[in-house]
PDB file of N, CA and C in Angstrom:
ATOM      1  N   MET A   1     -58.231  12.408  20.486  1.00  0.00           N
ATOM      2  CA  MET A   1     -57.886  11.108  19.924  1.00  0.00           C
ATOM      3  C   MET A   1     -57.260  11.269  18.539  1.00  0.00           C
ATOM      4  N   SER A   2     -57.816  12.131  17.683  1.00  0.00           N
ATOM      5  CA  SER A   2     -57.297  12.274  16.333  1.00  0.00           C
ATOM      6  C   SER A   2     -55.922  12.951  16.333  1.00  0.00           C
ATOM      7  N   TYR A   3     -55.641  13.819  17.318  1.00  0.00           N
ATOM      8  CA  TYR A   3     -54.314  14.454  17.388  1.00  0.00           C
ATOM      9  C   TYR A   3     -53.232  13.438  17.742  1.00  0.00           C
ATOM     10  N   SER A   4     -53.560  12.502  18.588  1.00  0.00           N
ATOM     11  CA  SER A   4     -52.575  11.483  18.957  1.00  0.00           C
ATOM     12  C   SER A   4     -52.272  10.562  17.775  1.00  0.00           C
ATOM     13  N   ILE A   5     -53.264  10.283  16.959  1.00  0.00           N
ATOM     14  CA  ILE A   5     -53.037   9.444  15.774  1.00  0.00           C
ATOM     15  C   ILE A   5     -52.178  10.188  14.760  1.00  0.00           C
ATOM     16  N   ILE A   6     -52.434  11.471  14.568  1.00  0.00           N
ATOM     17  CA  ILE A   6     -51.626  12.284  13.649  1.00  0.00           C
ATOM     18  C   ILE A   6     -50.190  12.380  14.155  1.00  0.00           C
ATOM     19  N   PHE A   7     -50.019  12.590  15.470  1.00  0.00           N
ATOM     20  CA  PHE A   7     -48.680  12.666  16.057  1.00  0.00           C
ATOM     21  C   PHE A   7     -47.936  11.341  15.888  1.00  0.00           C
ATOM     22  N   LEU A   8     -48.630  10.226  16.128  1.00  0.00           N
ATOM     23  CA  LEU A   8     -48.023   8.906  15.956  1.00  0.00           C
ATOM     24  C   LEU A   8     -47.608   8.691  14.495  1.00  0.00           C
ATOM     25  N   GLY A   9     -48.446   9.096  13.564  1.00  0.00           N
ATOM     26  CA  GLY A   9     -48.110   8.961  12.146  1.00  0.00           C
ATOM     27  C   GLY A   9     -46.891   9.780  11.765  1.00  0.00           C
ATOM     28  N   LEU A  10     -46.805  11.010  12.273  1.00  0.00           N
ATOM     29  CA  LEU A  10     -45.634  11.851  11.998  1.00  0.00           C
ATOM     30  C   LEU A  10     -44.364  11.251  12.586  1.00  0.00           C
ATOM     31  N   CYS A  11     -44.465  10.708  13.801  1.00  0.00           N
ATOM     32  CA  CYS A  11     -43.296  10.067  14.417  1.00  0.00           C
ATOM     33  C   CYS A  11     -42.813   8.874  13.599  1.00  0.00           C
ATOM     34  N   ILE A  12     -43.752   8.095  13.092  1.00  0.00           N
ATOM     35  CA  ILE A  12     -43.377   6.941  12.264  1.00  0.00           C
ATOM     36  C   ILE A  12     -42.711   7.397  10.972  1.00  0.00           C
ATOM     37  N   LEU A  13     -43.230   8.431  10.340  1.00  0.00           N
ATOM     38  CA  LEU A  13     -42.638   8.941   9.096  1.00  0.00           C
ATOM     39  C   LEU A  13     -41.232   9.497   9.328  1.00  0.00           C
ATOM     40  N   VAL A  14     -41.061  10.287  10.387  1.00  0.00           N
ATOM     41  CA  VAL A  14     -39.748  10.872  10.671  1.00  0.00           C
ATOM     42  C   VAL A  14     -38.753   9.772  11.037  1.00  0.00           C
ATOM     43  N   GLY A  15     -39.174   8.792  11.820  1.00  0.00           N
ATOM     44  CA  GLY A  15     -38.292   7.680  12.174  1.00  0.00           C
ATOM     45  C   GLY A  15     -37.878   6.873  10.953  1.00  0.00           C
ATOM     46  N   SER A  16     -38.814   6.628  10.064  1.00  0.00           N
ATOM     47  CA  SER A  16     -38.500   5.891   8.827  1.00  0.00           C
ATOM     48  C   SER A  16     -37.523   6.664   7.959  1.00  0.00           C
ATOM     49  N   TRP A  17     -37.704   7.972   7.903  1.00  0.00           N
ATOM     50  CA  TRP A  17     -36.809   8.811   7.109  1.00  0.00           C
ATOM     51  C   TRP A  17     -35.381   8.751   7.653  1.00  0.00           C
ATOM     52  N   PHE A  18     -35.224   8.805   9.003  1.00  0.00           N
ATOM     53  CA  PHE A  18     -33.897   8.727   9.606  1.00  0.00           C
ATOM     54  C   PHE A  18     -33.237   7.380   9.323  1.00  0.00           C
ATOM     55  N   ILE A  19     -33.988   6.319   9.404  1.00  0.00           N
ATOM     56  CA  ILE A  19     -33.445   4.984   9.120  1.00  0.00           C
ATOM     57  C   ILE A  19     -33.018   4.881   7.663  1.00  0.00           C
ATOM     58  N   LEU A  20     -33.815   5.388   6.756  1.00  0.00           N
ATOM     59  CA  LEU A  20     -33.482   5.362   5.322  1.00  0.00           C
ATOM     60  C   LEU A  20     -32.204   6.143   5.041  1.00  0.00           C
ATOM     61  N   GLN A  21     -32.052   7.320   5.650  1.00  0.00           N
ATOM     62  CA  GLN A  21     -30.852   8.124   5.449  1.00  0.00           C
ATOM     63  C   GLN A  21     -29.614   7.408   5.975  1.00  0.00           C
ATOM     64  N   SER A  22     -29.739   6.721   7.087  1.00  0.00           N
ATOM     65  CA  SER A  22     -28.618   5.980   7.663  1.00  0.00           C
ATOM     66  C   SER A  22     -28.189   4.831   6.760  1.00  0.00           C
ATOM     67  N   ILE A  23     -29.147   4.110   6.224  1.00  0.00           N
ATOM     68  CA  ILE A  23     -28.842   2.980   5.334  1.00  0.00           C
ATOM     69  C   ILE A  23     -28.170   3.472   4.060  1.00  0.00           C
ATOM     70  N   GLN A  24     -28.677   4.528   3.464  1.00  0.00           N
ATOM     71  CA  GLN A  24     -28.091   5.064   2.232  1.00  0.00           C
ATOM     72  C   GLN A  24     -26.689   5.592   2.483  1.00  0.00           C
ATOM     73  N   SER A  25     -26.430   6.184   3.632  1.00  0.00           N
ATOM     74  CA  SER A  25     -25.105   6.696   3.959  1.00  0.00           C
ATOM     75  C   SER A  25     -24.097   5.560   4.062  1.00  0.00           C
ATOM     76  N   ASN A  26     -24.467   4.447   4.687  1.00  0.00           N
ATOM     77  CA  ASN A  26     -23.565   3.300   4.824  1.00  0.00           C
ATOM     78  C   ASN A  26     -23.260   2.663   3.481  1.00  0.00           C
ATOM     79  N   GLN A  27     -24.239   2.573   2.593  1.00  0.00           N
ATOM     80  CA  GLN A  27     -24.016   1.987   1.276  1.00  0.00           C
ATOM     81  C   GLN A  27     -23.076   2.857   0.456  1.00  0.00           C
ATOM     82  N   PHE A  28     -23.171   4.166   0.567  1.00  0.00           N
ATOM     83  CA  PHE A  28     -22.309   5.070  -0.183  1.00  0.00           C
ATOM     84  C   PHE A  28     -20.868   4.941   0.281  1.00  0.00           C
ATOM     85  N   LYS A  29     -20.631   4.840   1.584  1.00  0.00           N
ATOM     86  CA  LYS A  29     -19.276   4.708   2.113  1.00  0.00           C
ATOM     87  C   LYS A  29     -18.645   3.405   1.661  1.00  0.00           C
ATOM     88  N   THR A  30     -19.404   2.313   1.662  1.00  0.00           N
ATOM     89  CA  THR A  30     -18.879   1.019   1.235  1.00  0.00           C
ATOM     90  C   THR A  30     -18.520   1.037  -0.242  1.00  0.00           C
ATOM     91  N   SER A  31     -19.350   1.635  -1.080  1.00  0.00           N
ATOM     92  CA  SER A  31     -19.068   1.646  -2.505  1.00  0.00           C
ATOM     93  C   SER A  31     -17.852   2.512  -2.829  1.00  0.00           C
ATOM     94  N   GLN A  32     -17.581   3.553  -2.045  1.00  0.00           N
ATOM     95  CA  GLN A  32     -16.392   4.368  -2.277  1.00  0.00           C
ATOM     96  C   GLN A  32     -15.135   3.586  -1.938  1.00  0.00           C
ATOM     97  N   LYS A  33     -15.158   2.785  -0.885  1.00  0.00           N
ATOM     98  CA  LYS A  33     -13.989   1.992  -0.511  1.00  0.00           C
ATOM     99  C   LYS A  33     -13.666   0.958  -1.582  1.00  0.00           C
ATOM    100  N   GLU A  34     -14.693   0.315  -2.121  1.00  0.00           N
ATOM    101  CA  GLU A  34     -14.505  -0.757  -3.087  1.00  0.00           C
ATOM    102  C   GLU A  34     -14.256  -0.254  -4.505  1.00  0.00           C
ATOM    103  N   GLN A  35     -14.417   1.026  -4.750  1.00  0.00           N
ATOM    104  CA  GLN A  35     -14.348   1.543  -6.116  1.00  0.00           C
ATOM    105  C   GLN A  35     -12.963   1.367  -6.739  1.00  0.00           C
ATOM    106  N   PHE A  36     -11.907   1.590  -6.006  1.00  0.00           N
ATOM    107  CA  PHE A  36     -10.557   1.510  -6.563  1.00  0.00           C
ATOM    108  C   PHE A  36      -9.774   0.345  -5.972  1.00  0.00           C
ATOM    109  N   ARG A  37     -10.452  -0.749  -5.631  1.00  0.00           N
ATOM    110  CA  ARG A  37      -9.790  -1.890  -5.027  1.00  0.00           C
ATOM    111  C   ARG A  37      -8.974  -2.682  -6.051  1.00  0.00           C
ATOM    112  N   TYR A  38      -9.472  -2.821  -7.265  1.00  0.00           N
ATOM    113  CA  TYR A  38      -8.816  -3.636  -8.295  1.00  0.00           C
ATOM    114  C   TYR A  38      -8.165  -2.756  -9.350  1.00  0.00           C
ATOM    115  N   GLU A  39      -7.042  -3.255  -9.880  1.00  0.00           N
ATOM    116  CA  GLU A  39      -6.343  -2.536 -10.943  1.00  0.00           C
ATOM    117  C   GLU A  39      -6.112  -3.489 -12.106  1.00  0.00           C
ATOM    118  N   LEU A  40      -6.467  -3.061 -13.300  1.00  0.00           N
ATOM    119  CA  LEU A  40      -6.283  -3.860 -14.504  1.00  0.00           C
ATOM    120  C   LEU A  40      -4.941  -3.502 -15.123  1.00  0.00           C
ATOM    121  N   ILE A  41      -4.088  -4.520 -15.306  1.00  0.00           N
ATOM    122  CA  ILE A  41      -2.752  -4.311 -15.858  1.00  0.00           C
ATOM    123  C   ILE A  41      -2.631  -5.168 -17.116  1.00  0.00           C
ATOM    124  N   SER A  42      -2.138  -4.559 -18.180  1.00  0.00           N
ATOM    125  CA  SER A  42      -1.897  -5.286 -19.424  1.00  0.00           C
ATOM    126  C   SER A  42      -0.418  -5.149 -19.770  1.00  0.00           C
ATOM    127  N   PRO A  43       0.428  -6.106 -19.322  1.00  0.00           N
ATOM    128  CA  PRO A  43       1.870  -5.980 -19.559  1.00  0.00           C
ATOM    129  C   PRO A  43       2.271  -6.159 -21.022  1.00  0.00           C
ATOM    130  N   ASN A  44       1.493  -6.915 -21.792  1.00  0.00           N
ATOM    131  CA  ASN A  44       1.752  -7.085 -23.225  1.00  0.00           C
ATOM    132  C   ASN A  44       0.439  -7.404 -23.923  1.00  0.00           C
ATOM    133  N   ASP A  45       0.502  -7.732 -25.190  1.00  0.00           N
ATOM    134  CA  ASP A  45      -0.717  -7.952 -25.974  1.00  0.00           C
ATOM    135  C   ASP A  45      -1.428  -9.265 -25.663  1.00  0.00           C
ATOM    136  N   SER A  46      -0.763 -10.195 -25.007  1.00  0.00           N
ATOM    137  CA  SER A  46      -1.393 -11.498 -24.795  1.00  0.00           C
ATOM    138  C   SER A  46      -1.723 -11.812 -23.341  1.00  0.00           C
ATOM    139  N   ASN A  47      -1.485 -10.898 -22.428  1.00  0.00           N
ATOM    140  CA  ASN A  47      -1.776 -11.142 -21.014  1.00  0.00           C
ATOM    141  C   ASN A  47      -2.627 -10.024 -20.426  1.00  0.00           C
ATOM    142  N   ILE A  48      -3.471 -10.417 -19.478  1.00  0.00           N
ATOM    143  CA  ILE A  48      -4.220  -9.460 -18.676  1.00  0.00           C
ATOM    144  C   ILE A  48      -4.019  -9.857 -17.217  1.00  0.00           C
ATOM    145  N   ILE A  49      -3.752  -8.894 -16.380  1.00  0.00           N
ATOM    146  CA  ILE A  49      -3.576  -9.138 -14.950  1.00  0.00           C
ATOM    147  C   ILE A  49      -4.526  -8.227 -14.195  1.00  0.00           C
ATOM    148  N   ILE A  50      -5.247  -8.787 -13.227  1.00  0.00           N
ATOM    149  CA  ILE A  50      -6.076  -7.995 -12.320  1.00  0.00           C
ATOM    150  C   ILE A  50      -5.440  -8.097 -10.946  1.00  0.00           C
ATOM    151  N   PHE A  51      -5.081  -6.944 -10.391  1.00  0.00           N
ATOM    152  CA  PHE A  51      -4.397  -6.877  -9.102  1.00  0.00           C
ATOM    153  C   PHE A  51      -5.371  -6.380  -8.043  1.00  0.00           C
ATOM    154  N   ASP A  52      -5.491  -7.135  -6.950  1.00  0.00           N
ATOM    155  CA  ASP A  52      -6.341  -6.757  -5.824  1.00  0.00           C
ATOM    156  C   ASP A  52      -5.473  -5.985  -4.832  1.00  0.00           C
ATOM    157  N   LYS A  53      -5.693  -4.677  -4.731  1.00  0.00           N
ATOM    158  CA  LYS A  53      -4.858  -3.832  -3.882  1.00  0.00           C
ATOM    159  C   LYS A  53      -5.065  -4.111  -2.405  1.00  0.00           C
ATOM    160  N   GLN A  54      -6.233  -4.622  -2.029  1.00  0.00           N
ATOM    161  CA  GLN A  54      -6.511  -4.850  -0.622  1.00  0.00           C
ATOM    162  C   GLN A  54      -5.829  -6.115  -0.104  1.00  0.00           C
ATOM    163  N   SER A  55      -5.910  -7.205  -0.854  1.00  0.00           N
ATOM    164  CA  SER A  55      -5.329  -8.464  -0.388  1.00  0.00           C
ATOM    165  C   SER A  55      -3.941  -8.732  -0.959  1.00  0.00           C
ATOM    166  N   GLY A  56      -3.570  -8.066  -2.052  1.00  0.00           N
ATOM    167  CA  GLY A  56      -2.267  -8.288  -2.663  1.00  0.00           C
ATOM    168  C   GLY A  56      -2.266  -9.430  -3.670  1.00  0.00           C
ATOM    169  N   ASP A  57      -3.391 -10.098  -3.868  1.00  0.00           N
ATOM    170  CA  ASP A  57      -3.465 -11.195  -4.837  1.00  0.00           C
ATOM    171  C   ASP A  57      -3.620 -10.643  -6.244  1.00  0.00           C
ATOM    172  N   TYR A  58      -3.199 -11.435  -7.212  1.00  0.00           N
ATOM    173  CA  TYR A  58      -3.455 -11.042  -8.591  1.00  0.00           C
ATOM    174  C   TYR A  58      -3.851 -12.255  -9.410  1.00  0.00           C
ATOM    175  N   PHE A  59      -4.642 -11.994 -10.440  1.00  0.00           N
ATOM    176  CA  PHE A  59      -5.180 -13.022 -11.302  1.00  0.00           C
ATOM    177  C   PHE A  59      -4.727 -12.724 -12.729  1.00  0.00           C
ATOM    178  N   SER A  60      -4.270 -13.762 -13.428  1.00  0.00           N
ATOM    179  CA  SER A  60      -3.777 -13.548 -14.787  1.00  0.00           C
ATOM    180  C   SER A  60      -4.550 -14.421 -15.776  1.00  0.00           C
ATOM    181  N   LYS A  61      -4.581 -13.952 -17.011  1.00  0.00           N
ATOM    182  CA  LYS A  61      -5.260 -14.689 -18.073  1.00  0.00           C
ATOM    183  C   LYS A  61      -4.572 -14.381 -19.390  1.00  0.00           C
ATOM    184  N   TYR A  62      -4.386 -15.423 -20.199  1.00  0.00           N
ATOM    185  CA  TYR A  62      -3.862 -15.246 -21.550  1.00  0.00           C
ATOM    186  C   TYR A  62      -5.017 -14.925 -22.475  1.00  0.00           C
ATOM    187  N   ILE A  63      -4.828 -13.952 -23.335  1.00  0.00           N
ATOM    188  CA  ILE A  63      -5.894 -13.520 -24.231  1.00  0.00           C
ATOM    189  C   ILE A  63      -5.960 -14.404 -25.469  1.00  0.00           C
ATOM    190  N   GLU A  64      -4.829 -14.680 -26.072  1.00  0.00           N
ATOM    191  CA  GLU A  64      -4.800 -15.427 -27.330  1.00  0.00           C
ATOM    192  C   GLU A  64      -5.021 -16.917 -27.067  1.00  0.00           C
ATOM    193  N   PRO A  65      -5.888 -17.555 -27.854  1.00  0.00           N
ATOM    194  CA  PRO A  65      -6.075 -18.999 -27.689  1.00  0.00           C
ATOM    195  C   PRO A  65      -4.827 -19.751 -28.151  1.00  0.00           C
ATOM    196  N   ASN A  66      -4.641 -20.927 -27.649  1.00  0.00           N
ATOM    197  CA  ASN A  66      -3.522 -21.808 -27.983  1.00  0.00           C
ATOM    198  C   ASN A  66      -2.188 -21.275 -27.474  1.00  0.00           C
ATOM    199  N   GLU A  67      -2.188 -20.348 -26.552  1.00  0.00           N
ATOM    200  CA  GLU A  67      -0.923 -19.855 -26.000  1.00  0.00           C
ATOM    201  C   GLU A  67      -0.973 -19.821 -24.481  1.00  0.00           C
ATOM    202  N   GLY A  68      -1.438 -20.877 -23.894  1.00  0.00           N
ATOM    203  CA  GLY A  68      -1.482 -20.920 -22.443  1.00  0.00           C
ATOM    204  C   GLY A  68      -2.900 -21.078 -21.933  1.00  0.00           C
ATOM    205  N   PRO A  69      -3.048 -21.041 -20.628  1.00  0.00           N
ATOM    206  CA  PRO A  69      -4.383 -21.230 -20.057  1.00  0.00           C
ATOM    207  C   PRO A  69      -5.298 -20.066 -20.410  1.00  0.00           C
ATOM    208  N   THR A  70      -6.527 -20.394 -20.764  1.00  0.00           N
ATOM    209  CA  THR A  70      -7.486 -19.344 -21.109  1.00  0.00           C
ATOM    210  C   THR A  70      -8.405 -19.016 -19.940  1.00  0.00           C
ATOM    211  N   GLU A  71      -8.238 -19.723 -18.835  1.00  0.00           N
ATOM    212  CA  GLU A  71      -9.028 -19.452 -17.638  1.00  0.00           C
ATOM    213  C   GLU A  71      -8.225 -18.533 -16.711  1.00  0.00           C
ATOM    214  N   TRP A  72      -8.951 -17.824 -15.850  1.00  0.00           N
ATOM    215  CA  TRP A  72      -8.281 -16.975 -14.866  1.00  0.00           C
ATOM    216  C   TRP A  72      -7.559 -17.857 -13.865  1.00  0.00           C
ATOM    217  N   GLN A  73      -6.317 -17.520 -13.549  1.00  0.00           N
ATOM    218  CA  GLN A  73      -5.531 -18.264 -12.577  1.00  0.00           C
ATOM    219  C   GLN A  73      -5.064 -17.321 -11.479  1.00  0.00           C
ATOM    220  N   LYS A  74      -5.261 -17.744 -10.230  1.00  0.00           N
ATOM    221  CA  LYS A  74      -4.800 -16.951  -9.104  1.00  0.00           C
ATOM    222  C   LYS A  74      -3.308 -17.212  -8.915  1.00  0.00           C
ATOM    223  N   GLN A  75      -2.557 -16.148  -8.809  1.00  0.00           N
ATOM    224  CA  GLN A  75      -1.113 -16.240  -8.655  1.00  0.00           C
ATOM    225  C   GLN A  75      -0.715 -15.845  -7.239  1.00  0.00           C
ATOM    226  N   LYS A  76       0.495 -16.190  -6.861  1.00  0.00           N
ATOM    227  CA  LYS A  76       1.000 -15.769  -5.559  1.00  0.00           C
ATOM    228  C   LYS A  76       1.184 -14.263  -5.547  1.00  0.00           C
ATOM    229  N   SER A  77       1.019 -13.700  -4.380  1.00  0.00           N
ATOM    230  CA  SER A  77       1.144 -12.257  -4.233  1.00  0.00           C
ATOM    231  C   SER A  77       2.591 -11.822  -4.430  1.00  0.00           C
ATOM    232  N   PRO A  78       2.824 -10.775  -5.208  1.00  0.00           N
ATOM    233  CA  PRO A  78       4.186 -10.270  -5.361  1.00  0.00           C
ATOM    234  C   PRO A  78       4.646  -9.502  -4.130  1.00  0.00           C
ATOM    235  N   ILE A  79       3.719  -9.218  -3.237  1.00  0.00           N
ATOM    236  CA  ILE A  79       4.053  -8.506  -1.998  1.00  0.00           C
ATOM    237  C   ILE A  79       4.299  -9.542  -0.916  1.00  0.00           C
ATOM    238  N   SER A  80       5.432  -9.458  -0.282  1.00  0.00           N
ATOM    239  CA  SER A  80       5.792 -10.404   0.759  1.00  0.00           C
ATOM    240  C   SER A  80       4.939 -10.152   1.995  1.00  0.00           C
ATOM    241  N   THR A  81       4.322 -11.209   2.532  1.00  0.00           N
ATOM    242  CA  THR A  81       3.499 -11.061   3.737  1.00  0.00           C
ATOM    243  C   THR A  81       4.273 -11.420   4.996  1.00  0.00           C
ATOM    244  N   SER A  82       5.471 -11.987   4.846  1.00  0.00           N
ATOM    245  CA  SER A  82       6.259 -12.337   6.033  1.00  0.00           C
ATOM    246  C   SER A  82       7.041 -11.124   6.499  1.00  0.00           C
ATOM    247  N   PRO A  83       7.181 -10.961   7.818  1.00  0.00           N
ATOM    248  CA  PRO A  83       7.906  -9.797   8.322  1.00  0.00           C
ATOM    249  C   PRO A  83       9.397  -9.908   8.007  1.00  0.00           C
ATOM    250  N   LYS A  84       9.992  -8.772   7.670  1.00  0.00           N
ATOM    251  CA  LYS A  84      11.416  -8.740   7.366  1.00  0.00           C
ATOM    252  C   LYS A  84      12.204  -8.397   8.629  1.00  0.00           C
ATOM    253  N   LEU A  85      13.285  -9.107   8.807  1.00  0.00           N
ATOM    254  CA  LEU A  85      14.164  -8.835   9.947  1.00  0.00           C
ATOM    255  C   LEU A  85      15.258  -7.893   9.511  1.00  0.00           C
ATOM    256  N   ILE A  86      15.494  -6.898  10.290  1.00  0.00           N
ATOM    257  CA  ILE A  86      16.526  -5.913   9.942  1.00  0.00           C
ATOM    258  C   ILE A  86      17.741  -6.125  10.806  1.00  0.00           C
TER     259      ILE A  86
END
């Protein structure tokens, strides 16, 4: 009886370890994909642009007060999404 309980406990521990390793592996792969998704561009001293490489959208903000909107604004993508006819 005691050997079966020890065996059951070992099976539970090994199974839990495999599940934990699988979860950690998936989280690492996701964080690597998202790591270089956004690019910060500063074309001049008063503008900041964040470009989303995955969707093609970009967000702009004026740094200096009294020179335009101070909130982030979503802009149209500079990458054309419509197919080009040749």
